[in-house]
Amino acid sequence: MNMETTCEPCALRAAGDTARADAIEAIRTQRLALAAVSDGTPSVEINCRACLLRLCEALLHLYSESLVLIAGGDRDAAARPIEHDLLTRLDKEREHRWL
C-alpha cells in the first residue's frame, strides 16, 4: 500500500522510526481494549487504512492468544470450539441459500 498520509504512526514509519510508531500503536490498542473491557466508549479515532489494518491484526492476535490462554495453552483445544462454530454457521448459511 503506497498512500500518502499525515497520521503520526505512518509518518514515523516512513521516516524509519518504526519503534516509536509501534509504541504509539500499542498505546492505541491498549486504550481500545481497556475501553472494551470497561464498557466504556473508545476515545481513539483512526482515519488511516494502514493503521486500521495494523490495529485489526493486533486485536486479532490478542483475541486468539487469549483463547489459547483460556484453553490452558493448548492451541488445538482453543481451535476446536472455533472450528465447530464456524462449521455450524457455514451449514446454516448453506441451508439458507438453498431454501
N, C-alpha and C. Protein backbone atom coordinates (compact mmCIF):
# COMPACT_ATOMS: atom_id res chain seq x y z
N MET A 1 0.85 -1.15 0.00
CA MET A 1 0.00 0.00 0.00
C MET A 1 0.91 1.23 0.00
N ASN A 2 0.74 2.09 -0.97
CA ASN A 2 1.58 3.26 -1.09
C ASN A 2 0.71 4.51 -1.12
N MET A 3 0.21 4.89 0.05
CA MET A 3 -0.64 6.06 0.10
C MET A 3 -0.02 7.09 1.03
N GLU A 4 -0.12 8.34 0.64
CA GLU A 4 0.42 9.39 1.48
C GLU A 4 -0.53 9.59 2.65
N THR A 5 0.04 9.90 3.79
CA THR A 5 -0.78 10.08 4.97
C THR A 5 -0.14 11.10 5.89
N THR A 6 -0.95 11.68 6.73
CA THR A 6 -0.42 12.62 7.71
C THR A 6 -0.54 12.06 9.12
N CYS A 7 -0.97 10.80 9.23
CA CYS A 7 -1.11 10.24 10.57
C CYS A 7 0.28 10.01 11.16
N GLU A 8 0.38 10.19 12.45
CA GLU A 8 1.68 10.13 13.12
C GLU A 8 2.39 8.79 12.96
N PRO A 9 1.71 7.65 13.24
CA PRO A 9 2.43 6.38 13.11
C PRO A 9 2.96 6.13 11.70
N CYS A 10 2.18 6.45 10.68
CA CYS A 10 2.64 6.21 9.31
C CYS A 10 3.76 7.17 8.93
N ALA A 11 3.69 8.41 9.39
CA ALA A 11 4.77 9.36 9.13
C ALA A 11 6.06 8.88 9.80
N LEU A 12 5.93 8.36 11.02
CA LEU A 12 7.11 7.83 11.72
C LEU A 12 7.68 6.61 10.99
N ARG A 13 6.80 5.74 10.52
CA ARG A 13 7.26 4.56 9.76
C ARG A 13 7.99 4.99 8.49
N ALA A 14 7.43 5.98 7.79
CA ALA A 14 8.05 6.46 6.56
C ALA A 14 9.43 7.06 6.84
N ALA A 15 9.59 7.64 8.02
CA ALA A 15 10.87 8.23 8.41
C ALA A 15 11.83 7.19 8.99
N GLY A 16 11.38 5.95 9.10
CA GLY A 16 12.23 4.88 9.61
C GLY A 16 12.18 4.67 11.11
N ASP A 17 11.30 5.39 11.80
CA ASP A 17 11.20 5.26 13.26
C ASP A 17 10.07 4.29 13.62
N THR A 18 10.26 3.02 13.26
CA THR A 18 9.21 2.03 13.50
C THR A 18 9.00 1.75 14.98
N ALA A 19 10.05 1.87 15.79
CA ALA A 19 9.91 1.62 17.23
C ALA A 19 8.92 2.62 17.85
N ARG A 20 9.03 3.88 17.49
CA ARG A 20 8.11 4.89 18.04
C ARG A 20 6.70 4.68 17.49
N ALA A 21 6.59 4.34 16.20
CA ALA A 21 5.29 4.06 15.59
C ALA A 21 4.63 2.87 16.29
N ASP A 22 5.40 1.82 16.54
CA ASP A 22 4.87 0.64 17.24
C ASP A 22 4.40 1.01 18.64
N ALA A 23 5.17 1.87 19.32
CA ALA A 23 4.81 2.28 20.68
C ALA A 23 3.49 3.05 20.69
N ILE A 24 3.32 3.95 19.73
CA ILE A 24 2.07 4.73 19.65
C ILE A 24 0.89 3.80 19.36
N GLU A 25 1.09 2.85 18.44
CA GLU A 25 0.00 1.94 18.09
C GLU A 25 -0.30 0.98 19.24
N ALA A 26 0.69 0.59 20.01
CA ALA A 26 0.45 -0.27 21.17
C ALA A 26 -0.39 0.47 22.20
N ILE A 27 -0.11 1.74 22.41
CA ILE A 27 -0.91 2.54 23.35
C ILE A 27 -2.35 2.64 22.85
N ARG A 28 -2.51 2.89 21.57
CA ARG A 28 -3.87 3.00 20.99
C ARG A 28 -4.62 1.68 21.13
N THR A 29 -3.94 0.57 20.88
CA THR A 29 -4.57 -0.75 21.02
C THR A 29 -4.99 -1.00 22.46
N GLN A 30 -4.11 -0.68 23.41
CA GLN A 30 -4.45 -0.89 24.82
C GLN A 30 -5.60 0.01 25.26
N ARG A 31 -5.66 1.24 24.77
CA ARG A 31 -6.79 2.12 25.09
C ARG A 31 -8.10 1.53 24.62
N LEU A 32 -8.11 1.01 23.40
CA LEU A 32 -9.33 0.41 22.87
C LEU A 32 -9.71 -0.85 23.65
N ALA A 33 -8.73 -1.69 23.97
CA ALA A 33 -9.01 -2.90 24.74
C ALA A 33 -9.53 -2.55 26.13
N LEU A 34 -8.92 -1.56 26.76
CA LEU A 34 -9.37 -1.14 28.08
C LEU A 34 -10.79 -0.61 28.03
N ALA A 35 -11.11 0.18 27.02
CA ALA A 35 -12.47 0.69 26.89
C ALA A 35 -13.46 -0.46 26.68
N ALA A 36 -13.06 -1.45 25.91
CA ALA A 36 -13.96 -2.58 25.64
C ALA A 36 -14.25 -3.38 26.90
N VAL A 37 -13.23 -3.65 27.72
CA VAL A 37 -13.47 -4.44 28.93
C VAL A 37 -14.09 -3.61 30.05
N SER A 38 -14.00 -2.31 29.93
CA SER A 38 -14.56 -1.43 30.97
C SER A 38 -15.95 -0.92 30.60
N ASP A 39 -16.51 -1.40 29.50
CA ASP A 39 -17.80 -0.93 28.98
C ASP A 39 -17.78 0.57 28.72
N GLY A 40 -16.63 1.07 28.38
CA GLY A 40 -16.51 2.49 28.06
C GLY A 40 -16.59 2.72 26.58
N THR A 41 -16.54 3.96 26.22
CA THR A 41 -16.54 4.33 24.82
C THR A 41 -15.10 4.61 24.39
N PRO A 42 -14.63 3.93 23.37
CA PRO A 42 -13.27 4.18 22.93
C PRO A 42 -13.07 5.65 22.54
N SER A 43 -11.96 6.21 22.96
CA SER A 43 -11.69 7.61 22.68
C SER A 43 -10.62 7.75 21.61
N VAL A 44 -10.47 6.72 20.79
CA VAL A 44 -9.46 6.73 19.75
C VAL A 44 -10.15 6.74 18.40
N GLU A 45 -9.75 7.66 17.56
CA GLU A 45 -10.29 7.72 16.20
C GLU A 45 -9.18 7.37 15.23
N ILE A 46 -9.47 6.46 14.32
CA ILE A 46 -8.45 6.03 13.36
C ILE A 46 -8.99 6.30 11.97
N ASN A 47 -8.33 7.18 11.25
CA ASN A 47 -8.77 7.56 9.92
C ASN A 47 -7.82 7.09 8.83
N CYS A 48 -6.88 6.26 9.20
CA CYS A 48 -5.86 5.78 8.26
C CYS A 48 -6.07 4.28 8.04
N ARG A 49 -6.19 3.89 6.78
CA ARG A 49 -6.44 2.48 6.46
C ARG A 49 -5.30 1.58 6.93
N ALA A 50 -4.06 2.01 6.73
CA ALA A 50 -2.91 1.20 7.13
C ALA A 50 -2.90 1.00 8.65
N CYS A 51 -3.18 2.06 9.39
CA CYS A 51 -3.22 1.96 10.86
C CYS A 51 -4.38 1.07 11.32
N LEU A 52 -5.52 1.20 10.64
CA LEU A 52 -6.67 0.38 11.00
C LEU A 52 -6.38 -1.10 10.75
N LEU A 53 -5.71 -1.40 9.66
CA LEU A 53 -5.36 -2.80 9.38
C LEU A 53 -4.39 -3.35 10.43
N ARG A 54 -3.39 -2.54 10.82
CA ARG A 54 -2.46 -3.00 11.85
C ARG A 54 -3.19 -3.18 13.19
N LEU A 55 -4.15 -2.30 13.49
CA LEU A 55 -4.94 -2.44 14.72
C LEU A 55 -5.74 -3.73 14.69
N CYS A 56 -6.37 -4.02 13.57
CA CYS A 56 -7.15 -5.27 13.45
C CYS A 56 -6.26 -6.49 13.65
N GLU A 57 -5.07 -6.45 13.07
CA GLU A 57 -4.13 -7.56 13.25
C GLU A 57 -3.73 -7.71 14.71
N ALA A 58 -3.48 -6.60 15.38
CA ALA A 58 -3.08 -6.64 16.79
C ALA A 58 -4.21 -7.18 17.66
N LEU A 59 -5.43 -6.72 17.40
CA LEU A 59 -6.56 -7.18 18.21
C LEU A 59 -6.88 -8.64 17.95
N LEU A 60 -6.76 -9.07 16.71
CA LEU A 60 -6.98 -10.49 16.40
C LEU A 60 -5.94 -11.35 17.09
N HIS A 61 -4.71 -10.88 17.12
CA HIS A 61 -3.64 -11.61 17.81
C HIS A 61 -3.95 -11.71 19.31
N LEU A 62 -4.35 -10.58 19.91
CA LEU A 62 -4.68 -10.60 21.34
C LEU A 62 -5.85 -11.54 21.62
N TYR A 63 -6.86 -11.50 20.77
CA TYR A 63 -8.04 -12.36 20.92
C TYR A 63 -7.64 -13.84 20.83
N SER A 64 -6.88 -14.18 19.81
CA SER A 64 -6.52 -15.59 19.63
C SER A 64 -5.60 -16.08 20.75
N GLU A 65 -4.66 -15.25 21.18
CA GLU A 65 -3.78 -15.66 22.27
C GLU A 65 -4.55 -15.78 23.58
N SER A 66 -5.58 -14.97 23.77
CA SER A 66 -6.43 -15.09 24.96
C SER A 66 -7.17 -16.42 24.96
N LEU A 67 -7.66 -16.83 23.79
CA LEU A 67 -8.35 -18.12 23.69
C LEU A 67 -7.40 -19.27 24.00
N VAL A 68 -6.17 -19.17 23.53
CA VAL A 68 -5.17 -20.22 23.83
C VAL A 68 -4.89 -20.24 25.33
N LEU A 69 -4.76 -19.07 25.93
CA LEU A 69 -4.53 -18.99 27.38
C LEU A 69 -5.68 -19.62 28.16
N ILE A 70 -6.91 -19.33 27.76
CA ILE A 70 -8.09 -19.90 28.41
C ILE A 70 -8.09 -21.42 28.27
N ALA A 71 -7.59 -21.91 27.14
CA ALA A 71 -7.53 -23.36 26.89
C ALA A 71 -6.29 -23.99 27.51
N GLY A 72 -5.66 -23.31 28.44
CA GLY A 72 -4.52 -23.86 29.14
C GLY A 72 -3.26 -23.96 28.29
N GLY A 73 -3.18 -23.13 27.26
CA GLY A 73 -2.00 -23.15 26.40
C GLY A 73 -2.10 -24.14 25.25
N ASP A 74 -3.19 -24.86 25.17
CA ASP A 74 -3.38 -25.88 24.14
C ASP A 74 -4.05 -25.25 22.92
N ARG A 75 -3.28 -25.03 21.87
CA ARG A 75 -3.81 -24.38 20.67
C ARG A 75 -4.90 -25.22 20.00
N ASP A 76 -4.73 -26.54 19.99
CA ASP A 76 -5.76 -27.40 19.40
C ASP A 76 -7.07 -27.29 20.17
N ALA A 77 -6.98 -27.28 21.49
CA ALA A 77 -8.19 -27.14 22.32
C ALA A 77 -8.85 -25.78 22.09
N ALA A 78 -8.04 -24.75 21.88
CA ALA A 78 -8.59 -23.42 21.61
C ALA A 78 -9.27 -23.38 20.24
N ALA A 79 -8.73 -24.12 19.29
CA ALA A 79 -9.26 -24.10 17.92
C ALA A 79 -10.56 -24.89 17.78
N ARG A 80 -10.73 -25.96 18.55
CA ARG A 80 -11.90 -26.83 18.37
C ARG A 80 -13.24 -26.10 18.45
N PRO A 81 -13.51 -25.29 19.49
CA PRO A 81 -14.82 -24.62 19.51
C PRO A 81 -14.99 -23.60 18.38
N ILE A 82 -13.90 -23.00 17.94
CA ILE A 82 -13.99 -22.06 16.83
C ILE A 82 -14.34 -22.81 15.55
N GLU A 83 -13.66 -23.93 15.31
CA GLU A 83 -13.95 -24.75 14.14
C GLU A 83 -15.39 -25.25 14.16
N HIS A 84 -15.85 -25.70 15.33
CA HIS A 84 -17.22 -26.20 15.45
C HIS A 84 -18.23 -25.09 15.13
N ASP A 85 -18.01 -23.92 15.72
CA ASP A 85 -18.93 -22.79 15.47
C ASP A 85 -18.90 -22.37 14.01
N LEU A 86 -17.71 -22.34 13.41
CA LEU A 86 -17.60 -21.97 12.01
C LEU A 86 -18.34 -22.96 11.12
N LEU A 87 -18.16 -24.26 11.35
CA LEU A 87 -18.85 -25.26 10.55
C LEU A 87 -20.36 -25.16 10.72
N THR A 88 -20.81 -24.90 11.95
CA THR A 88 -22.24 -24.73 12.20
C THR A 88 -22.79 -23.55 11.42
N ARG A 89 -22.08 -22.43 11.47
CA ARG A 89 -22.53 -21.24 10.73
C ARG A 89 -22.52 -21.48 9.22
N LEU A 90 -21.49 -22.16 8.72
CA LEU A 90 -21.43 -22.45 7.29
C LEU A 90 -22.58 -23.36 6.87
N ASP A 91 -22.89 -24.37 7.69
CA ASP A 91 -24.01 -25.26 7.40
C ASP A 91 -25.32 -24.48 7.35
N LYS A 92 -25.53 -23.60 8.31
CA LYS A 92 -26.77 -22.79 8.34
C LYS A 92 -26.85 -21.89 7.12
N GLU A 93 -25.72 -21.32 6.72
CA GLU A 93 -25.71 -20.45 5.54
C GLU A 93 -26.03 -21.25 4.29
N ARG A 94 -25.47 -22.46 4.18
CA ARG A 94 -25.77 -23.31 3.03
C ARG A 94 -27.26 -23.65 2.99
N GLU A 95 -27.84 -24.00 4.12
CA GLU A 95 -29.26 -24.32 4.20
C GLU A 95 -30.09 -23.12 3.76
N HIS A 96 -29.70 -21.95 4.23
CA HIS A 96 -30.45 -20.74 3.92
C HIS A 96 -30.42 -20.43 2.43
N ARG A 97 -29.27 -20.64 1.80
CA ARG A 97 -29.14 -20.31 0.38
C ARG A 97 -29.93 -21.27 -0.49
N TRP A 98 -30.15 -22.48 -0.04
CA TRP A 98 -30.82 -23.47 -0.89
C TRP A 98 -32.31 -23.58 -0.63
N LEU A 99 -32.81 -22.85 0.34
CA LEU A 99 -34.25 -22.91 0.59
C LEU A 99 -35.05 -22.16 -0.42
